[in-house]
């Protein structure tokens, strides 16, 4: 997983998130857990989100808030159908907790309930992958990138929802240079 050297202002992120949540419901968005910001014409009311949006010198193909409810996990999946080979996905955590993990694996060993949203925990994931996985806790305000074409999930064993700003960017020279110069591996 890569993290950007720049840290975003968490107070401004929370302020914009709170405004969006007053106006829209996650349940009405993609997958029942997202709010697409450009689609709802909210960017001009959320000045910090707009500043972030305008900072990218490439086509933005996705810019939304994603929520993972407390005590739940995404089904194991790849985002390859969405991102393909021309798009990179980034996320800025806004609300997280100490029991929330992004887990990535190259082990295709999942069956049954693992493929749909569930309540499996971190230890369950490690057990089924035989510890052939990398699991990360994310810090609010940091910008992260990882290869979402690999099998991955978000496990939220905590008592509060996890909310991230998810950003999909079209690959171009600017994006490639930006990632190379401003990101480091954790």
C-alpha atoms as a PDB file:
ATOM      1  CA  UNK A   1       0.000   0.000   0.000  1.00  0.00           C
ATOM      2  CA  UNK A   2       1.200   3.473  -0.851  1.00  0.00           C
ATOM      3  CA  UNK A   3       0.565   6.676   1.091  1.00  0.00           C
ATOM      4  CA  UNK A   4       0.975  10.246  -0.105  1.00  0.00           C
ATOM      5  CA  UNK A   5       3.309  12.657   1.700  1.00  0.00           C
ATOM      6  CA  UNK A   6       0.563  15.301   1.850  1.00  0.00           C
ATOM      7  CA  UNK A   7      -1.913  15.116   4.745  1.00  0.00           C
ATOM      8  CA  UNK A   8      -5.371  16.585   4.212  1.00  0.00           C
ATOM      9  CA  UNK A   9      -7.111  18.734   6.843  1.00  0.00           C
ATOM     10  CA  UNK A  10      -9.265  16.291   8.804  1.00  0.00           C
ATOM     11  CA  UNK A  11     -11.476  19.022  10.311  1.00  0.00           C
ATOM     12  CA  UNK A  12     -12.370  20.315   6.836  1.00  0.00           C
ATOM     13  CA  UNK A  13     -12.937  16.758   5.580  1.00  0.00           C
ATOM     14  CA  UNK A  14     -15.317  16.041   8.475  1.00  0.00           C
ATOM     15  CA  UNK A  15     -17.137  19.347   7.965  1.00  0.00           C
ATOM     16  CA  UNK A  16     -17.791  18.568   4.288  1.00  0.00           C
ATOM     17  CA  UNK A  17     -18.696  14.939   5.055  1.00  0.00           C
ATOM     18  CA  UNK A  18     -21.223  16.061   7.660  1.00  0.00           C
ATOM     19  CA  UNK A  19     -22.876  18.453   5.195  1.00  0.00           C
ATOM     20  CA  UNK A  20     -23.130  15.756   2.516  1.00  0.00           C
ATOM     21  CA  UNK A  21     -24.617  13.300   5.028  1.00  0.00           C
ATOM     22  CA  UNK A  22     -27.316  15.829   5.974  1.00  0.00           C
ATOM     23  CA  UNK A  23     -28.399  16.091   2.338  1.00  0.00           C
ATOM     24  CA  UNK A  24     -27.969  12.548   0.990  1.00  0.00           C
ATOM     25  CA  UNK A  25     -28.191   8.913   2.078  1.00  0.00           C
ATOM     26  CA  UNK A  26     -25.509   6.289   1.503  1.00  0.00           C
ATOM     27  CA  UNK A  27     -28.230   3.707   0.955  1.00  0.00           C
ATOM     28  CA  UNK A  28     -29.359   5.521  -2.206  1.00  0.00           C
ATOM     29  CA  UNK A  29     -25.905   5.401  -3.816  1.00  0.00           C
ATOM     30  CA  UNK A  30     -23.826   2.786  -5.592  1.00  0.00           C
ATOM     31  CA  UNK A  31     -23.842  -0.533  -3.732  1.00  0.00           C
ATOM     32  CA  UNK A  32     -26.023   0.957  -1.003  1.00  0.00           C
ATOM     33  CA  UNK A  33     -22.984   2.468   0.708  1.00  0.00           C
ATOM     34  CA  UNK A  34     -21.823   5.501  -1.269  1.00  0.00           C
ATOM     35  CA  UNK A  35     -22.663   9.079  -2.179  1.00  0.00           C
ATOM     36  CA  UNK A  36     -21.340  10.321  -5.529  1.00  0.00           C
ATOM     37  CA  UNK A  37     -20.399  13.949  -5.037  1.00  0.00           C
ATOM     38  CA  UNK A  38     -20.344  15.257  -8.640  1.00  0.00           C
ATOM     39  CA  UNK A  39     -23.552  13.367  -9.502  1.00  0.00           C
ATOM     40  CA  UNK A  40     -25.376  15.188  -6.702  1.00  0.00           C
ATOM     41  CA  UNK A  41     -24.007  18.641  -7.595  1.00  0.00           C
ATOM     42  CA  UNK A  42     -22.757  19.060  -4.036  1.00  0.00           C
ATOM     43  CA  UNK A  43     -19.145  20.022  -4.801  1.00  0.00           C
ATOM     44  CA  UNK A  44     -19.851  23.763  -4.899  1.00  0.00           C
ATOM     45  CA  UNK A  45     -21.248  23.543  -1.351  1.00  0.00           C
ATOM     46  CA  UNK A  46     -18.363  21.445  -0.012  1.00  0.00           C
ATOM     47  CA  UNK A  47     -15.440  23.766  -0.568  1.00  0.00           C
ATOM     48  CA  UNK A  48     -12.703  21.442   0.715  1.00  0.00           C
ATOM     49  CA  UNK A  49     -13.929  18.491  -1.363  1.00  0.00           C
ATOM     50  CA  UNK A  50     -14.047  20.875  -4.346  1.00  0.00           C
ATOM     51  CA  UNK A  51     -10.470  22.010  -3.634  1.00  0.00           C
ATOM     52  CA  UNK A  52      -9.321  18.380  -3.579  1.00  0.00           C
ATOM     53  CA  UNK A  53     -11.310  17.590  -6.731  1.00  0.00           C
ATOM     54  CA  UNK A  54      -9.808  20.553  -8.587  1.00  0.00           C
ATOM     55  CA  UNK A  55      -6.243  19.637  -7.552  1.00  0.00           C
ATOM     56  CA  UNK A  56      -6.009  16.663  -9.916  1.00  0.00           C
ATOM     57  CA  UNK A  57      -4.625  17.326 -13.381  1.00  0.00           C
ATOM     58  CA  UNK A  58      -6.325  14.364 -14.980  1.00  0.00           C
ATOM     59  CA  UNK A  59      -9.829  13.120 -15.688  1.00  0.00           C
ATOM     60  CA  UNK A  60     -11.696  12.126 -12.534  1.00  0.00           C
ATOM     61  CA  UNK A  61     -13.877   9.080 -13.125  1.00  0.00           C
ATOM     62  CA  UNK A  62     -15.122   8.678  -9.551  1.00  0.00           C
ATOM     63  CA  UNK A  63     -15.318  10.962  -6.517  1.00  0.00           C
ATOM     64  CA  UNK A  64     -17.558   9.736  -3.728  1.00  0.00           C
ATOM     65  CA  UNK A  65     -17.953   9.061  -0.047  1.00  0.00           C
ATOM     66  CA  UNK A  66     -17.989   5.358   0.852  1.00  0.00           C
ATOM     67  CA  UNK A  67     -19.240   4.048   4.179  1.00  0.00           C
ATOM     68  CA  UNK A  68     -18.552   0.678   5.775  1.00  0.00           C
ATOM     69  CA  UNK A  69     -20.925   0.165   8.680  1.00  0.00           C
ATOM     70  CA  UNK A  70     -19.661  -0.885  12.082  1.00  0.00           C
ATOM     71  CA  UNK A  71     -19.298  -4.634  12.701  1.00  0.00           C
ATOM     72  CA  UNK A  72     -19.363  -5.486   8.974  1.00  0.00           C
ATOM     73  CA  UNK A  73     -16.990  -6.320   6.141  1.00  0.00           C
ATOM     74  CA  UNK A  74     -17.154  -5.953   2.385  1.00  0.00           C
ATOM     75  CA  UNK A  75     -17.230  -9.179   0.503  1.00  0.00           C
ATOM     76  CA  UNK A  76     -13.816 -10.114  -0.862  1.00  0.00           C
ATOM     77  CA  UNK A  77     -13.578  -8.556  -4.307  1.00  0.00           C
ATOM     78  CA  UNK A  78     -11.491  -6.803  -6.917  1.00  0.00           C
ATOM     79  CA  UNK A  79     -12.353  -3.438  -8.442  1.00  0.00           C
ATOM     80  CA  UNK A  80     -10.945  -4.487 -11.804  1.00  0.00           C
ATOM     81  CA  UNK A  81     -14.278  -4.165 -13.649  1.00  0.00           C
ATOM     82  CA  UNK A  82     -14.466  -0.507 -12.530  1.00  0.00           C
ATOM     83  CA  UNK A  83     -10.856   0.645 -12.702  1.00  0.00           C
ATOM     84  CA  UNK A  84      -9.533  -1.525 -15.522  1.00  0.00           C
ATOM     85  CA  UNK A  85      -5.993  -0.765 -16.630  1.00  0.00           C
ATOM     86  CA  UNK A  86      -6.444   2.971 -17.215  1.00  0.00           C
ATOM     87  CA  UNK A  87      -7.666   4.138 -13.801  1.00  0.00           C
ATOM     88  CA  UNK A  88      -6.005   4.311 -10.389  1.00  0.00           C
ATOM     89  CA  UNK A  89      -8.102   4.334  -7.209  1.00  0.00           C
ATOM     90  CA  UNK A  90      -7.220   6.421  -4.154  1.00  0.00           C
ATOM     91  CA  UNK A  91      -8.878   6.929  -0.800  1.00  0.00           C
ATOM     92  CA  UNK A  92      -8.726   9.460   1.990  1.00  0.00           C
ATOM     93  CA  UNK A  93     -10.060   8.036   5.269  1.00  0.00           C
ATOM     94  CA  UNK A  94     -12.226  10.548   7.102  1.00  0.00           C
ATOM     95  CA  UNK A  95     -13.661   8.431   9.923  1.00  0.00           C
ATOM     96  CA  UNK A  96     -11.975   5.205  11.037  1.00  0.00           C
ATOM     97  CA  UNK A  97     -11.428   3.292  14.266  1.00  0.00           C
ATOM     98  CA  UNK A  98      -8.772   1.063  15.800  1.00  0.00           C
ATOM     99  CA  UNK A  99     -10.615  -2.063  14.671  1.00  0.00           C
ATOM    100  CA  UNK A 100     -10.892  -1.238  10.988  1.00  0.00           C
ATOM    101  CA  UNK A 101      -8.612  -2.855   8.395  1.00  0.00           C
ATOM    102  CA  UNK A 102      -8.004  -2.864   4.654  1.00  0.00           C
ATOM    103  CA  UNK A 103      -6.816  -6.372   3.783  1.00  0.00           C
ATOM    104  CA  UNK A 104      -5.224  -7.435   0.505  1.00  0.00           C
ATOM    105  CA  UNK A 105      -4.269 -10.921  -0.682  1.00  0.00           C
ATOM    106  CA  UNK A 106      -3.311 -12.823  -3.799  1.00  0.00           C
ATOM    107  CA  UNK A 107      -4.818 -16.022  -2.370  1.00  0.00           C
ATOM    108  CA  UNK A 108      -7.975 -17.028  -4.257  1.00  0.00           C
ATOM    109  CA  UNK A 109      -9.195 -19.346  -1.499  1.00  0.00           C
ATOM    110  CA  UNK A 110     -12.574 -17.799  -0.686  1.00  0.00           C
ATOM    111  CA  UNK A 111     -15.898 -19.595  -0.903  1.00  0.00           C
ATOM    112  CA  UNK A 112     -19.507 -18.927  -0.020  1.00  0.00           C
ATOM    113  CA  UNK A 113     -20.249 -15.949   2.200  1.00  0.00           C
ATOM    114  CA  UNK A 114     -16.828 -14.371   1.695  1.00  0.00           C
ATOM    115  CA  UNK A 115     -17.968 -12.932  -1.666  1.00  0.00           C
ATOM    116  CA  UNK A 116     -20.838 -10.862  -0.251  1.00  0.00           C
ATOM    117  CA  UNK A 117     -20.959  -8.314   2.555  1.00  0.00           C
ATOM    118  CA  UNK A 118     -20.536 -10.136   5.836  1.00  0.00           C
ATOM    119  CA  UNK A 119     -19.440  -9.876   9.460  1.00  0.00           C
ATOM    120  CA  UNK A 120     -16.170 -11.798   9.215  1.00  0.00           C
ATOM    121  CA  UNK A 121     -13.306 -10.376  11.242  1.00  0.00           C
ATOM    122  CA  UNK A 122      -9.606  -9.844  10.810  1.00  0.00           C
ATOM    123  CA  UNK A 123      -8.624 -13.171  12.347  1.00  0.00           C
ATOM    124  CA  UNK A 124     -11.094 -14.972  10.061  1.00  0.00           C
ATOM    125  CA  UNK A 125      -9.459 -13.338   7.029  1.00  0.00           C
ATOM    126  CA  UNK A 126      -5.965 -14.238   8.198  1.00  0.00           C
ATOM    127  CA  UNK A 127      -7.039 -17.812   8.878  1.00  0.00           C
ATOM    128  CA  UNK A 128      -8.650 -18.385   5.482  1.00  0.00           C
ATOM    129  CA  UNK A 129      -5.644 -16.865   3.658  1.00  0.00           C
ATOM    130  CA  UNK A 130      -3.210 -18.749   5.910  1.00  0.00           C
ATOM    131  CA  UNK A 131      -1.672 -15.349   6.784  1.00  0.00           C
ATOM    132  CA  UNK A 132      -0.859 -14.769   3.106  1.00  0.00           C
ATOM    133  CA  UNK A 133      -2.276 -11.265   3.297  1.00  0.00           C
ATOM    134  CA  UNK A 134      -1.398  -7.697   4.168  1.00  0.00           C
ATOM    135  CA  UNK A 135      -3.726  -5.772   6.442  1.00  0.00           C
ATOM    136  CA  UNK A 136      -3.471  -2.042   7.061  1.00  0.00           C
ATOM    137  CA  UNK A 137      -5.017   0.487   9.374  1.00  0.00           C
ATOM    138  CA  UNK A 138      -5.461   3.844   7.720  1.00  0.00           C
ATOM    139  CA  UNK A 139      -4.957   7.247   9.308  1.00  0.00           C
ATOM    140  CA  UNK A 140      -7.613   9.918   8.700  1.00  0.00           C
ATOM    141  CA  UNK A 141      -6.467  12.658   6.331  1.00  0.00           C
ATOM    142  CA  UNK A 142      -3.852  10.555   4.531  1.00  0.00           C
ATOM    143  CA  UNK A 143      -4.237   9.653   0.875  1.00  0.00           C
ATOM    144  CA  UNK A 144      -3.766   5.950   0.101  1.00  0.00           C
ATOM    145  CA  UNK A 145      -3.406   3.895  -3.066  1.00  0.00           C
ATOM    146  CA  UNK A 146      -3.135   0.146  -3.560  1.00  0.00           C
ATOM    147  CA  UNK A 147      -3.696  -2.236  -6.435  1.00  0.00           C
ATOM    148  CA  UNK A 148      -7.460  -2.746  -6.285  1.00  0.00           C
ATOM    149  CA  UNK A 149      -7.262  -5.395  -8.991  1.00  0.00           C
ATOM    150  CA  UNK A 150      -5.993  -7.712  -6.232  1.00  0.00           C
ATOM    151  CA  UNK A 151      -8.474  -9.468  -3.964  1.00  0.00           C
ATOM    152  CA  UNK A 152      -9.223  -7.219  -0.994  1.00  0.00           C
ATOM    153  CA  UNK A 153     -11.783  -6.266   1.608  1.00  0.00           C
ATOM    154  CA  UNK A 154     -12.443  -3.750   4.344  1.00  0.00           C
ATOM    155  CA  UNK A 155     -13.119  -5.255   7.752  1.00  0.00           C
ATOM    156  CA  UNK A 156     -14.718  -2.937  10.291  1.00  0.00           C
ATOM    157  CA  UNK A 157     -14.879  -4.659  13.658  1.00  0.00           C
ATOM    158  CA  UNK A 158     -15.263  -1.309  15.426  1.00  0.00           C
ATOM    159  CA  UNK A 159     -18.282   0.371  16.959  1.00  0.00           C
ATOM    160  CA  UNK A 160     -18.460   3.267  14.493  1.00  0.00           C
ATOM    161  CA  UNK A 161     -18.826   3.460  10.735  1.00  0.00           C
ATOM    162  CA  UNK A 162     -15.786   3.960   8.499  1.00  0.00           C
ATOM    163  CA  UNK A 163     -16.091   6.741   5.905  1.00  0.00           C
ATOM    164  CA  UNK A 164     -13.577   7.437   3.146  1.00  0.00           C
ATOM    165  CA  UNK A 165     -13.410   9.780   0.187  1.00  0.00           C
ATOM    166  CA  UNK A 166     -12.872   7.455  -2.782  1.00  0.00           C
ATOM    167  CA  UNK A 167     -11.207   8.953  -5.862  1.00  0.00           C
ATOM    168  CA  UNK A 168     -10.733   7.297  -9.263  1.00  0.00           C
ATOM    169  CA  UNK A 169      -8.237   9.021 -11.561  1.00  0.00           C
ATOM    170  CA  UNK A 170      -7.484   8.380 -15.212  1.00  0.00           C
ATOM    171  CA  UNK A 171      -3.849   7.511 -15.849  1.00  0.00           C
ATOM    172  CA  UNK A 172      -1.798  10.159 -17.622  1.00  0.00           C
ATOM    173  CA  UNK A 173       1.736  11.527 -17.384  1.00  0.00           C
ATOM    174  CA  UNK A 174       0.817  13.928 -14.584  1.00  0.00           C
ATOM    175  CA  UNK A 175      -0.719  11.110 -12.479  1.00  0.00           C
ATOM    176  CA  UNK A 176       2.199   8.748 -13.043  1.00  0.00           C
ATOM    177  CA  UNK A 177       4.706  11.470 -12.077  1.00  0.00           C
ATOM    178  CA  UNK A 178       2.638  12.543  -9.060  1.00  0.00           C
ATOM    179  CA  UNK A 179       2.443   8.995  -7.694  1.00  0.00           C
ATOM    180  CA  UNK A 180       6.143   8.381  -8.295  1.00  0.00           C
ATOM    181  CA  UNK A 181       7.246  11.626  -6.627  1.00  0.00           C
ATOM    182  CA  UNK A 182       4.818  11.991  -3.714  1.00  0.00           C
ATOM    183  CA  UNK A 183       3.906   8.485  -2.531  1.00  0.00           C
ATOM    184  CA  UNK A 184       5.870   6.010  -0.422  1.00  0.00           C
ATOM    185  CA  UNK A 185       5.246   2.400   0.544  1.00  0.00           C
ATOM    186  CA  UNK A 186       4.064   1.506   4.043  1.00  0.00           C
END
